[in-house]
Amino acid sequence: MTDNTYKPTFASWNPQLVETLNFGQMNPQFHPYTCPGNYSECKDQRELVATKDGWICKCGKYTQNWCHGFSAGIK
């Protein structure tokens, strides 16, 4: 049996996975996916938002196209 816990899941993501990932961003048991905070617009709100194309920072300047496998199952 292969452990896919940390194997990345790459975008494009279906609507159900987008919903699951955004729900997971609010779960206090897990550290949220965040941007590096390199931009003044997002230094105080670094949490990423899941979209069908992957993660995006609220400032729109940082994107990430993967999540950990375990994040795809948080609910």
PDB file of N, CA and C in Angstrom:
ATOM      1  N   MET A   1       0.840  -1.180   0.000  1.00  0.00           N
ATOM      2  CA  MET A   1       0.000   0.000   0.000  1.00  0.00           C
ATOM      3  C   MET A   1       0.884   1.242   0.000  1.00  0.00           C
ATOM      4  N   THR A   2       0.577   2.190  -0.853  1.00  0.00           N
ATOM      5  CA  THR A   2       1.347   3.416  -0.970  1.00  0.00           C
ATOM      6  C   THR A   2       0.717   4.503  -0.110  1.00  0.00           C
ATOM      7  N   ASP A   3       1.564   5.220   0.635  1.00  0.00           N
ATOM      8  CA  ASP A   3       1.093   6.329   1.457  1.00  0.00           C
ATOM      9  C   ASP A   3       1.149   7.605   0.628  1.00  0.00           C
ATOM     10  N   ASN A   4      -0.015   8.162   0.291  1.00  0.00           N
ATOM     11  CA  ASN A   4      -0.095   9.385  -0.502  1.00  0.00           C
ATOM     12  C   ASN A   4      -0.356  10.617   0.353  1.00  0.00           C
ATOM     13  N   THR A   5      -0.108  10.513   1.652  1.00  0.00           N
ATOM     14  CA  THR A   5      -0.403  11.606   2.566  1.00  0.00           C
ATOM     15  C   THR A   5       0.222  12.923   2.121  1.00  0.00           C
ATOM     16  N   TYR A   6       1.481  12.880   1.720  1.00  0.00           N
ATOM     17  CA  TYR A   6       2.172  14.108   1.352  1.00  0.00           C
ATOM     18  C   TYR A   6       2.408  14.231  -0.150  1.00  0.00           C
ATOM     19  N   LYS A   7       1.944  13.267  -0.924  1.00  0.00           N
ATOM     20  CA  LYS A   7       2.083  13.351  -2.371  1.00  0.00           C
ATOM     21  C   LYS A   7       1.237  14.526  -2.863  1.00  0.00           C
ATOM     22  N   PRO A   8       1.833  15.435  -3.633  1.00  0.00           N
ATOM     23  CA  PRO A   8       1.076  16.612  -4.076  1.00  0.00           C
ATOM     24  C   PRO A   8      -0.094  16.258  -4.993  1.00  0.00           C
ATOM     25  N   THR A   9      -1.149  17.029  -4.858  1.00  0.00           N
ATOM     26  CA  THR A   9      -2.292  16.987  -5.763  1.00  0.00           C
ATOM     27  C   THR A   9      -2.246  18.300  -6.536  1.00  0.00           C
ATOM     28  N   PHE A  10      -2.094  18.206  -7.844  1.00  0.00           N
ATOM     29  CA  PHE A  10      -1.927  19.408  -8.666  1.00  0.00           C
ATOM     30  C   PHE A  10      -3.249  19.868  -9.265  1.00  0.00           C
ATOM     31  N   ALA A  11      -3.383  21.202  -9.425  1.00  0.00           N
ATOM     32  CA  ALA A  11      -4.556  21.779 -10.091  1.00  0.00           C
ATOM     33  C   ALA A  11      -4.456  21.399 -11.574  1.00  0.00           C
ATOM     34  N   SER A  12      -5.520  21.263 -12.169  1.00  0.00           N
ATOM     35  CA  SER A  12      -6.835  21.831 -12.062  1.00  0.00           C
ATOM     36  C   SER A  12      -7.683  21.014 -11.077  1.00  0.00           C
ATOM     37  N   TRP A  13      -8.418  21.718 -10.197  1.00  0.00           N
ATOM     38  CA  TRP A  13      -9.207  21.097  -9.144  1.00  0.00           C
ATOM     39  C   TRP A  13     -10.686  21.234  -9.440  1.00  0.00           C
ATOM     40  N   ASN A  14     -11.435  20.184  -9.112  1.00  0.00           N
ATOM     41  CA  ASN A  14     -12.888  20.236  -9.328  1.00  0.00           C
ATOM     42  C   ASN A  14     -13.545  21.067  -8.206  1.00  0.00           C
ATOM     43  N   PRO A  15     -14.796  21.485  -8.414  1.00  0.00           N
ATOM     44  CA  PRO A  15     -15.472  22.339  -7.426  1.00  0.00           C
ATOM     45  C   PRO A  15     -15.534  21.728  -6.022  1.00  0.00           C
ATOM     46  N   GLN A  16     -15.693  20.417  -5.930  1.00  0.00           N
ATOM     47  CA  GLN A  16     -15.753  19.775  -4.616  1.00  0.00           C
ATOM     48  C   GLN A  16     -14.411  19.892  -3.890  1.00  0.00           C
ATOM     49  N   LEU A  17     -13.313  19.711  -4.608  1.00  0.00           N
ATOM     50  CA  LEU A  17     -12.002  19.840  -3.977  1.00  0.00           C
ATOM     51  C   LEU A  17     -11.733  21.289  -3.590  1.00  0.00           C
ATOM     52  N   VAL A  18     -12.110  22.234  -4.417  1.00  0.00           N
ATOM     53  CA  VAL A  18     -11.956  23.657  -4.078  1.00  0.00           C
ATOM     54  C   VAL A  18     -12.695  23.957  -2.769  1.00  0.00           C
ATOM     55  N   GLU A  19     -13.914  23.462  -2.659  1.00  0.00           N
ATOM     56  CA  GLU A  19     -14.693  23.670  -1.433  1.00  0.00           C
ATOM     57  C   GLU A  19     -14.003  23.034  -0.232  1.00  0.00           C
ATOM     58  N   THR A  20     -13.505  21.824  -0.387  1.00  0.00           N
ATOM     59  CA  THR A  20     -12.816  21.119   0.695  1.00  0.00           C
ATOM     60  C   THR A  20     -11.565  21.869   1.131  1.00  0.00           C
ATOM     61  N   LEU A  21     -10.775  22.335   0.173  1.00  0.00           N
ATOM     62  CA  LEU A  21      -9.543  23.055   0.505  1.00  0.00           C
ATOM     63  C   LEU A  21      -9.838  24.370   1.212  1.00  0.00           C
ATOM     64  N   ASN A  22     -10.831  25.104   0.741  1.00  0.00           N
ATOM     65  CA  ASN A  22     -11.177  26.361   1.406  1.00  0.00           C
ATOM     66  C   ASN A  22     -11.750  26.123   2.799  1.00  0.00           C
ATOM     67  N   PHE A  23     -12.489  25.036   2.984  1.00  0.00           N
ATOM     68  CA  PHE A  23     -12.972  24.657   4.311  1.00  0.00           C
ATOM     69  C   PHE A  23     -11.777  24.356   5.216  1.00  0.00           C
ATOM     70  N   GLY A  24     -10.808  23.625   4.691  1.00  0.00           N
ATOM     71  CA  GLY A  24      -9.610  23.291   5.457  1.00  0.00           C
ATOM     72  C   GLY A  24      -8.805  24.513   5.872  1.00  0.00           C
ATOM     73  N   GLN A  25      -8.860  25.565   5.091  1.00  0.00           N
ATOM     74  CA  GLN A  25      -8.147  26.798   5.428  1.00  0.00           C
ATOM     75  C   GLN A  25      -8.671  27.420   6.720  1.00  0.00           C
ATOM     76  N   MET A  26      -9.903  27.107   7.091  1.00  0.00           N
ATOM     77  CA  MET A  26     -10.505  27.662   8.308  1.00  0.00           C
ATOM     78  C   MET A  26     -10.398  26.704   9.493  1.00  0.00           C
ATOM     79  N   ASN A  27      -9.849  25.513   9.289  1.00  0.00           N
ATOM     80  CA  ASN A  27      -9.757  24.505  10.341  1.00  0.00           C
ATOM     81  C   ASN A  27      -8.563  24.813  11.245  1.00  0.00           C
ATOM     82  N   PRO A  28      -8.800  25.107  12.526  1.00  0.00           N
ATOM     83  CA  PRO A  28      -7.702  25.481  13.419  1.00  0.00           C
ATOM     84  C   PRO A  28      -6.744  24.336  13.732  1.00  0.00           C
ATOM     85  N   GLN A  29      -7.079  23.115  13.350  1.00  0.00           N
ATOM     86  CA  GLN A  29      -6.183  21.981  13.600  1.00  0.00           C
ATOM     87  C   GLN A  29      -5.031  21.924  12.598  1.00  0.00           C
ATOM     88  N   PHE A  30      -5.123  22.687  11.519  1.00  0.00           N
ATOM     89  CA  PHE A  30      -4.112  22.647  10.474  1.00  0.00           C
ATOM     90  C   PHE A  30      -3.586  24.048  10.193  1.00  0.00           C
ATOM     91  N   HIS A  31      -2.320  24.131   9.855  1.00  0.00           N
ATOM     92  CA  HIS A  31      -1.752  25.409   9.427  1.00  0.00           C
ATOM     93  C   HIS A  31      -2.259  25.684   8.021  1.00  0.00           C
ATOM     94  N   PRO A  32      -2.768  26.896   7.769  1.00  0.00           N
ATOM     95  CA  PRO A  32      -3.295  27.197   6.433  1.00  0.00           C
ATOM     96  C   PRO A  32      -2.171  27.326   5.405  1.00  0.00           C
ATOM     97  N   TYR A  33      -2.522  27.122   4.154  1.00  0.00           N
ATOM     98  CA  TYR A  33      -1.599  27.424   3.068  1.00  0.00           C
ATOM     99  C   TYR A  33      -1.480  28.938   3.002  1.00  0.00           C
ATOM    100  N   THR A  34      -0.245  29.437   2.892  1.00  0.00           N
ATOM    101  CA  THR A  34      -0.023  30.882   2.909  1.00  0.00           C
ATOM    102  C   THR A  34       0.969  31.290   1.828  1.00  0.00           C
ATOM    103  N   CYS A  35       0.926  32.562   1.482  1.00  0.00           N
ATOM    104  CA  CYS A  35       1.927  33.125   0.580  1.00  0.00           C
ATOM    105  C   CYS A  35       3.139  33.513   1.424  1.00  0.00           C
ATOM    106  N   PRO A  36       4.264  33.790   0.782  1.00  0.00           N
ATOM    107  CA  PRO A  36       5.463  34.170   1.535  1.00  0.00           C
ATOM    108  C   PRO A  36       5.355  35.526   2.233  1.00  0.00           C
ATOM    109  N   GLY A  37       4.362  36.350   1.860  1.00  0.00           N
ATOM    110  CA  GLY A  37       4.203  37.663   2.479  1.00  0.00           C
ATOM    111  C   GLY A  37       5.166  38.691   1.934  1.00  0.00           C
ATOM    112  N   ASN A  38       5.595  38.500   0.695  1.00  0.00           N
ATOM    113  CA  ASN A  38       6.570  39.410   0.092  1.00  0.00           C
ATOM    114  C   ASN A  38       5.967  40.722  -0.397  1.00  0.00           C
ATOM    115  N   TYR A  39       4.663  40.836  -0.398  1.00  0.00           N
ATOM    116  CA  TYR A  39       3.998  42.010  -0.949  1.00  0.00           C
ATOM    117  C   TYR A  39       3.277  42.757   0.170  1.00  0.00           C
ATOM    118  N   SER A  40       3.366  44.078   0.143  1.00  0.00           N
ATOM    119  CA  SER A  40       2.761  44.875   1.216  1.00  0.00           C
ATOM    120  C   SER A  40       1.250  44.677   1.294  1.00  0.00           C
ATOM    121  N   GLU A  41       0.604  44.362   0.160  1.00  0.00           N
ATOM    122  CA  GLU A  41      -0.850  44.188   0.139  1.00  0.00           C
ATOM    123  C   GLU A  41      -1.311  42.976   0.952  1.00  0.00           C
ATOM    124  N   CYS A  42      -0.438  42.009   1.146  1.00  0.00           N
ATOM    125  CA  CYS A  42      -0.881  40.776   1.805  1.00  0.00           C
ATOM    126  C   CYS A  42      -0.071  40.437   3.055  1.00  0.00           C
ATOM    127  N   LYS A  43       0.723  41.340   3.542  1.00  0.00           N
ATOM    128  CA  LYS A  43       1.578  41.000   4.679  1.00  0.00           C
ATOM    129  C   LYS A  43       0.792  40.622   5.930  1.00  0.00           C
ATOM    130  N   ASP A  44      -0.448  41.130   6.079  1.00  0.00           N
ATOM    131  CA  ASP A  44      -1.251  40.826   7.256  1.00  0.00           C
ATOM    132  C   ASP A  44      -2.311  39.758   7.006  1.00  0.00           C
ATOM    133  N   GLN A  45      -2.530  39.399   5.752  1.00  0.00           N
ATOM    134  CA  GLN A  45      -3.504  38.353   5.398  1.00  0.00           C
ATOM    135  C   GLN A  45      -2.877  37.462   4.344  1.00  0.00           C
ATOM    136  N   ARG A  46      -2.105  36.482   4.801  1.00  0.00           N
ATOM    137  CA  ARG A  46      -1.323  35.649   3.897  1.00  0.00           C
ATOM    138  C   ARG A  46      -2.024  34.360   3.488  1.00  0.00           C
ATOM    139  N   GLU A  47      -3.210  34.065   4.034  1.00  0.00           N
ATOM    140  CA  GLU A  47      -3.883  32.817   3.715  1.00  0.00           C
ATOM    141  C   GLU A  47      -4.280  32.782   2.237  1.00  0.00           C
ATOM    142  N   LEU A  48      -4.046  31.641   1.610  1.00  0.00           N
ATOM    143  CA  LEU A  48      -4.391  31.469   0.203  1.00  0.00           C
ATOM    144  C   LEU A  48      -5.836  31.025   0.053  1.00  0.00           C
ATOM    145  N   VAL A  49      -6.399  31.273  -1.123  1.00  0.00           N
ATOM    146  CA  VAL A  49      -7.759  30.875  -1.461  1.00  0.00           C
ATOM    147  C   VAL A  49      -7.674  29.867  -2.594  1.00  0.00           C
ATOM    148  N   ALA A  50      -8.360  28.732  -2.431  1.00  0.00           N
ATOM    149  CA  ALA A  50      -8.356  27.705  -3.473  1.00  0.00           C
ATOM    150  C   ALA A  50      -9.301  28.092  -4.602  1.00  0.00           C
ATOM    151  N   THR A  51      -8.851  27.866  -5.837  1.00  0.00           N
ATOM    152  CA  THR A  51      -9.662  28.059  -7.035  1.00  0.00           C
ATOM    153  C   THR A  51      -9.469  26.830  -7.914  1.00  0.00           C
ATOM    154  N   LYS A  52     -10.189  26.725  -9.005  1.00  0.00           N
ATOM    155  CA  LYS A  52     -10.027  25.565  -9.887  1.00  0.00           C
ATOM    156  C   LYS A  52      -8.620  25.498 -10.467  1.00  0.00           C
ATOM    157  N   ASP A  53      -7.930  26.633 -10.524  1.00  0.00           N
ATOM    158  CA  ASP A  53      -6.586  26.698 -11.094  1.00  0.00           C
ATOM    159  C   ASP A  53      -5.484  26.584 -10.054  1.00  0.00           C
ATOM    160  N   GLY A  54      -5.850  26.401  -8.787  1.00  0.00           N
ATOM    161  CA  GLY A  54      -4.868  26.301  -7.706  1.00  0.00           C
ATOM    162  C   GLY A  54      -5.091  27.391  -6.674  1.00  0.00           C
ATOM    163  N   TRP A  55      -4.112  27.566  -5.817  1.00  0.00           N
ATOM    164  CA  TRP A  55      -4.183  28.579  -4.765  1.00  0.00           C
ATOM    165  C   TRP A  55      -3.842  29.947  -5.323  1.00  0.00           C
ATOM    166  N   ILE A  56      -4.434  30.986  -4.735  1.00  0.00           N
ATOM    167  CA  ILE A  56      -4.077  32.355  -5.062  1.00  0.00           C
ATOM    168  C   ILE A  56      -4.120  33.182  -3.780  1.00  0.00           C
ATOM    169  N   CYS A  57      -3.170  34.099  -3.680  1.00  0.00           N
ATOM    170  CA  CYS A  57      -3.144  35.015  -2.548  1.00  0.00           C
ATOM    171  C   CYS A  57      -4.220  36.075  -2.761  1.00  0.00           C
ATOM    172  N   LYS A  58      -4.703  36.628  -1.688  1.00  0.00           N
ATOM    173  CA  LYS A  58      -5.747  37.655  -1.787  1.00  0.00           C
ATOM    174  C   LYS A  58      -5.274  38.889  -2.544  1.00  0.00           C
ATOM    175  N   CYS A  59      -3.965  39.131  -2.574  1.00  0.00           N
ATOM    176  CA  CYS A  59      -3.447  40.267  -3.346  1.00  0.00           C
ATOM    177  C   CYS A  59      -3.363  39.926  -4.831  1.00  0.00           C
ATOM    178  N   GLY A  60      -3.442  38.630  -5.170  1.00  0.00           N
ATOM    179  CA  GLY A  60      -3.422  38.194  -6.562  1.00  0.00           C
ATOM    180  C   GLY A  60      -2.036  38.039  -7.163  1.00  0.00           C
ATOM    181  N   LYS A  61      -0.998  38.294  -6.395  1.00  0.00           N
ATOM    182  CA  LYS A  61       0.359  38.246  -6.941  1.00  0.00           C
ATOM    183  C   LYS A  61       1.059  36.902  -6.738  1.00  0.00           C
ATOM    184  N   TYR A  62       0.567  36.085  -5.840  1.00  0.00           N
ATOM    185  CA  TYR A  62       1.207  34.800  -5.567  1.00  0.00           C
ATOM    186  C   TYR A  62       0.225  33.681  -5.864  1.00  0.00           C
ATOM    187  N   THR A  63       0.687  32.655  -6.572  1.00  0.00           N
ATOM    188  CA  THR A  63      -0.133  31.474  -6.850  1.00  0.00           C
ATOM    189  C   THR A  63       0.664  30.215  -6.537  1.00  0.00           C
ATOM    190  N   GLN A  64      -0.067  29.137  -6.315  1.00  0.00           N
ATOM    191  CA  GLN A  64       0.537  27.824  -6.048  1.00  0.00           C
ATOM    192  C   GLN A  64      -0.392  26.788  -6.652  1.00  0.00           C
ATOM    193  N   ASN A  65       0.137  25.834  -7.404  1.00  0.00           N
ATOM    194  CA  ASN A  65      -0.718  24.897  -8.133  1.00  0.00           C
ATOM    195  C   ASN A  65      -0.812  23.508  -7.509  1.00  0.00           C
ATOM    196  N   TRP A  66      -0.473  23.356  -6.245  1.00  0.00           N
ATOM    197  CA  TRP A  66      -0.524  22.046  -5.607  1.00  0.00           C
ATOM    198  C   TRP A  66      -0.983  22.164  -4.151  1.00  0.00           C
ATOM    199  N   CYS A  67      -1.424  21.036  -3.614  1.00  0.00           N
ATOM    200  CA  CYS A  67      -1.689  20.896  -2.176  1.00  0.00           C
ATOM    201  C   CYS A  67      -1.207  19.512  -1.764  1.00  0.00           C
ATOM    202  N   HIS A  68      -0.997  19.320  -0.487  1.00  0.00           N
ATOM    203  CA  HIS A  68      -0.649  17.988   0.023  1.00  0.00           C
ATOM    204  C   HIS A  68      -1.835  17.060  -0.135  1.00  0.00           C
ATOM    205  N   GLY A  69      -1.562  15.786  -0.355  1.00  0.00           N
ATOM    206  CA  GLY A  69      -2.630  14.803  -0.516  1.00  0.00           C
ATOM    207  C   GLY A  69      -3.603  14.788   0.650  1.00  0.00           C
ATOM    208  N   PHE A  70      -3.101  14.950   1.871  1.00  0.00           N
ATOM    209  CA  PHE A  70      -4.008  14.891   3.032  1.00  0.00           C
ATOM    210  C   PHE A  70      -4.990  16.057   3.033  1.00  0.00           C
ATOM    211  N   SER A  71      -4.617  17.178   2.434  1.00  0.00           N
ATOM    212  CA  SER A  71      -5.517  18.338   2.388  1.00  0.00           C
ATOM    213  C   SER A  71      -6.743  18.073   1.529  1.00  0.00           C
ATOM    214  N   ALA A  72      -6.604  17.201   0.574  1.00  0.00           N
ATOM    215  CA  ALA A  72      -7.728  16.880  -0.321  1.00  0.00           C
ATOM    216  C   ALA A  72      -8.818  16.094   0.399  1.00  0.00           C
ATOM    217  N   GLY A  73      -8.520  15.585   1.601  1.00  0.00           N
ATOM    218  CA  GLY A  73      -9.492  14.798   2.334  1.00  0.00           C
ATOM    219  C   GLY A  73     -10.010  15.431   3.610  1.00  0.00           C
ATOM    220  N   ILE A  74      -9.643  16.672   3.890  1.00  0.00           N
ATOM    221  CA  ILE A  74     -10.085  17.356   5.101  1.00  0.00           C
ATOM    222  C   ILE A  74     -11.544  17.769   4.960  1.00  0.00           C
ATOM    223  N   LYS A  75     -12.363  17.388   5.917  1.00  0.00           N
ATOM    224  CA  LYS A  75     -13.753  17.852   5.937  1.00  0.00           C
ATOM    225  C   LYS A  75     -14.368  17.557   7.274  1.00  0.00           C
TER     226      LYS A  75
END
